[in-house]
Amino acid sequence: MPEPTDPGATRRRIPHESDRPRENRSGCLVWGAVLGVVVGGMFAAYGLKPILRHYYGEQRVAVGQTYEGDAKTIRVAGAGSERPEAFQRPAGERDDGYYVILEVTTNKTWLPAVTDFAVEFSGIDDWVEADAAFPSTNGTIPFPLAEQRTIFLRFKRPATVGAEPEYLHIADPRLRIELPE
C-alpha cells in the first residue's frame, strides 16, 4: 500500500477550462429571449390563423348547393344589397347593408349567435360578422326542430371600393358557402 503524501506538501492546481471566469454573456440570452417572444407573437397573430383554417378548415359548399350534415340542411336562398321586408330601415338612414337569406332545417338543437355568421368580401382580410338577423332573440337565432325556417341576415358592407361578397362563413358547423354574384 502506498504511503500517504506529506500533508504539508503544497499542491499546485492546474486551471481547467471550465474554471476560468466567464465573460458576461447574459446580453445574448436577453436578446434571444426578446427576439423569441417577438417572433412567437408575430406567428401567433398572423401565421397561426391561416394554418389552423387550412388543417381544421371549413367544408365548402358551391353556389346553389345545399349543405346536408350534422342533422342540418342549410341553403342560401338569396343574397344581395336589396333590403328584405324583414328589416325596416329608419327614415333618412342610408342602407349600406348586404343581405343573405338562408333556408335552414335542423333535427338537432341549434342556437347559433348572430355573430356566428360572417361574409368574406374580396380585398378585405377580416370577415364581416352579421350585425342583425331576423328572427333573433337576444343575439341568438332560434330554430324549431324539423321545420324549415327562413333566416334573414344583415352585414355592413365595407367602405373599400370594389369589395364584393364572396363567401358566407358559418362557425358551427364550419361551413364556407359560395355566394351568388
Protein backbone atom coordinates (compact mmCIF):
# COMPACT_ATOMS: atom_id res chain seq x y z
CA MET A 1 0.00 0.00 0.00
CA PRO A 2 1.46 3.37 -0.93
CA GLU A 3 2.23 5.77 1.80
CA PRO A 4 0.21 8.93 2.06
CA THR A 5 1.92 12.00 0.80
CA ASP A 6 3.25 14.57 3.14
CA PRO A 7 0.29 16.67 4.36
CA GLY A 8 2.49 19.71 4.49
CA ALA A 9 3.42 19.49 0.84
CA THR A 10 1.86 22.11 -1.33
CA ARG A 11 -0.17 21.19 -4.30
CA ARG A 12 -0.46 23.29 -7.30
CA ARG A 13 -3.79 23.29 -9.00
CA ILE A 14 -3.84 23.30 -12.77
CA PRO A 15 -6.55 25.59 -14.03
CA HIS A 16 -9.16 23.82 -16.08
CA GLU A 17 -11.05 25.44 -18.93
CA SER A 18 -14.37 25.32 -17.07
CA ASP A 19 -12.84 27.04 -14.03
CA ARG A 20 -11.96 30.21 -15.87
CA PRO A 21 -14.24 33.13 -15.16
CA ARG A 22 -16.73 33.60 -17.99
CA GLU A 23 -17.28 36.81 -19.74
CA ASN A 24 -20.64 38.44 -19.21
CA ARG A 25 -22.80 36.79 -21.90
CA SER A 26 -26.21 37.47 -20.42
CA GLY A 27 -26.90 40.10 -23.10
CA CYS A 28 -27.07 37.37 -25.76
CA LEU A 29 -29.58 35.44 -23.69
CA VAL A 30 -31.73 38.50 -23.16
CA TRP A 31 -31.72 39.39 -26.87
CA GLY A 32 -32.50 35.79 -27.78
CA ALA A 33 -35.46 35.76 -25.38
CA VAL A 34 -36.77 39.10 -26.68
CA LEU A 35 -36.50 38.00 -30.31
CA GLY A 36 -38.17 34.68 -29.47
CA VAL A 37 -41.12 36.44 -27.87
CA VAL A 38 -41.45 38.90 -30.76
CA VAL A 39 -41.27 36.21 -33.45
CA GLY A 40 -43.63 33.95 -31.49
CA GLY A 41 -46.13 36.77 -31.08
CA MET A 42 -45.98 37.64 -34.77
CA PHE A 43 -46.51 33.99 -35.69
CA ALA A 44 -49.47 33.68 -33.32
CA ALA A 45 -51.06 36.87 -34.63
CA TYR A 46 -50.53 36.39 -38.37
CA GLY A 47 -49.45 32.85 -39.16
CA LEU A 48 -51.42 30.59 -36.86
CA LYS A 49 -54.92 31.52 -38.02
CA PRO A 50 -54.40 30.60 -41.72
CA ILE A 51 -52.60 27.41 -40.75
CA LEU A 52 -55.42 26.32 -38.43
CA ARG A 53 -58.00 27.20 -41.10
CA HIS A 54 -56.10 25.04 -43.56
CA TYR A 55 -55.94 21.93 -41.36
CA TYR A 56 -59.18 22.34 -39.43
CA GLY A 57 -60.93 24.25 -42.15
CA GLU A 58 -64.41 24.63 -43.30
CA GLN A 59 -66.45 22.37 -45.50
CA ARG A 60 -67.00 24.12 -48.82
CA VAL A 61 -70.41 24.43 -50.44
CA ALA A 62 -70.68 25.65 -54.02
CA VAL A 63 -73.10 28.35 -55.10
CA GLY A 64 -76.64 26.98 -55.36
CA GLN A 65 -75.78 23.78 -53.49
CA THR A 66 -77.29 22.63 -50.19
CA TYR A 67 -75.29 21.56 -47.14
CA GLU A 68 -76.61 18.39 -45.56
CA GLY A 69 -74.89 17.13 -42.45
CA ASP A 70 -74.83 17.28 -38.67
CA ALA A 71 -78.65 16.88 -38.73
CA LYS A 72 -78.94 20.19 -40.60
CA THR A 73 -79.87 21.30 -44.08
CA ILE A 74 -78.62 24.80 -44.98
CA ARG A 75 -79.11 26.58 -48.29
CA VAL A 76 -78.54 30.17 -49.40
CA ALA A 77 -81.88 31.19 -50.88
CA GLY A 78 -80.73 34.66 -51.87
CA ALA A 79 -78.13 37.34 -51.34
CA GLY A 80 -77.69 40.93 -52.37
CA SER A 81 -77.95 44.59 -51.50
CA GLU A 82 -81.73 44.72 -51.75
CA ARG A 83 -83.22 45.05 -48.27
CA PRO A 84 -85.75 42.32 -47.40
CA GLU A 85 -89.03 43.40 -45.82
CA ALA A 86 -87.91 41.76 -42.57
CA PHE A 87 -85.52 44.68 -41.99
CA GLN A 88 -87.14 48.06 -41.64
CA ARG A 89 -84.85 50.97 -42.29
CA PRO A 90 -85.37 54.15 -40.31
CA ALA A 91 -86.32 57.14 -42.43
CA GLY A 92 -83.36 59.08 -43.80
CA GLU A 93 -80.80 56.36 -42.97
CA ARG A 94 -78.57 55.21 -45.80
CA ASP A 95 -78.78 51.48 -46.49
CA ASP A 96 -75.23 50.14 -46.79
CA GLY A 97 -76.15 46.59 -45.90
CA TYR A 98 -75.59 43.31 -47.62
CA TYR A 99 -78.28 40.70 -47.01
CA VAL A 100 -78.23 36.91 -47.06
CA ILE A 101 -81.36 34.75 -46.92
CA LEU A 102 -80.87 31.24 -45.54
CA GLU A 103 -83.28 28.33 -45.55
CA VAL A 104 -82.45 26.04 -42.64
CA THR A 105 -83.94 22.79 -41.37
CA THR A 106 -82.46 21.15 -38.29
CA ASN A 107 -83.29 17.94 -36.45
CA LYS A 108 -80.91 18.76 -33.64
CA THR A 109 -80.95 21.57 -31.09
CA TRP A 110 -79.06 24.51 -32.60
CA LEU A 111 -78.94 28.02 -31.17
CA PRO A 112 -76.25 29.96 -33.07
CA ALA A 113 -75.35 33.54 -32.25
CA VAL A 114 -75.90 36.21 -34.87
CA THR A 115 -72.11 36.75 -34.92
CA ASP A 116 -71.56 33.08 -35.88
CA PHE A 117 -72.32 34.17 -39.44
CA ALA A 118 -69.77 36.21 -41.42
CA VAL A 119 -69.28 37.29 -45.02
CA GLU A 120 -65.88 37.35 -46.70
CA PHE A 121 -65.51 40.31 -49.06
CA SER A 122 -62.84 40.42 -51.80
CA GLY A 123 -59.86 42.60 -50.94
CA ILE A 124 -60.68 42.59 -47.19
CA ASP A 125 -58.64 40.47 -44.77
CA ASP A 126 -61.18 40.33 -41.95
CA TRP A 127 -64.60 38.78 -42.38
CA VAL A 128 -67.63 40.96 -41.64
CA GLU A 129 -69.85 39.46 -38.94
CA ALA A 130 -73.61 39.73 -39.18
CA ASP A 131 -74.89 42.75 -37.28
CA ALA A 132 -78.58 41.71 -37.34
CA ALA A 133 -80.77 38.72 -38.04
CA PHE A 134 -84.47 38.12 -38.33
CA PRO A 135 -85.85 36.32 -36.43
CA SER A 136 -83.47 36.58 -33.49
CA THR A 137 -83.79 36.65 -29.73
CA ASN A 138 -81.14 38.25 -27.50
CA GLY A 139 -78.46 37.89 -30.17
CA THR A 140 -79.22 34.23 -30.96
CA ILE A 141 -81.26 32.64 -33.71
CA PRO A 142 -83.79 30.05 -32.53
CA PHE A 143 -84.55 27.06 -34.76
CA PRO A 144 -87.59 24.84 -34.23
CA LEU A 145 -86.85 21.16 -34.72
CA ALA A 146 -87.74 19.53 -38.05
CA GLU A 147 -89.24 22.71 -39.51
CA GLN A 148 -87.80 24.74 -42.36
CA ARG A 149 -87.07 28.29 -41.27
CA THR A 150 -86.05 31.25 -43.38
CA ILE A 151 -83.40 33.44 -41.76
CA PHE A 152 -82.53 36.95 -42.92
CA LEU A 153 -79.00 38.13 -42.09
CA ARG A 154 -77.67 41.66 -42.50
CA PHE A 155 -73.99 42.55 -42.87
CA LYS A 156 -72.49 46.02 -43.01
CA ARG A 157 -70.83 46.49 -46.37
CA PRO A 158 -67.17 47.60 -46.03
CA ALA A 159 -66.22 51.04 -47.32
CA THR A 160 -63.43 49.60 -49.50
CA VAL A 161 -64.09 50.30 -53.17
CA GLY A 162 -64.62 47.13 -55.21
CA ALA A 163 -65.13 44.85 -52.20
CA GLU A 164 -67.53 42.18 -53.45
CA PRO A 165 -69.05 39.44 -51.28
CA GLU A 166 -67.57 36.03 -51.98
CA TYR A 167 -68.41 33.58 -49.19
CA LEU A 168 -70.73 33.16 -46.23
CA HIS A 169 -68.92 31.56 -43.29
CA ILE A 170 -70.77 29.73 -40.52
CA ALA A 171 -68.95 28.93 -37.27
CA ASP A 172 -70.85 25.77 -36.29
CA PRO A 173 -70.92 23.67 -38.41
CA ARG A 174 -67.77 25.07 -40.01
CA LEU A 175 -69.02 25.98 -43.48
CA ARG A 176 -67.93 28.22 -46.32
CA ILE A 177 -70.80 28.77 -48.72
CA GLU A 178 -70.09 30.47 -52.03
CA LEU A 179 -72.42 33.42 -52.57
CA PRO A 180 -74.16 34.12 -55.88
CA GLU A 181 -72.92 37.12 -57.88
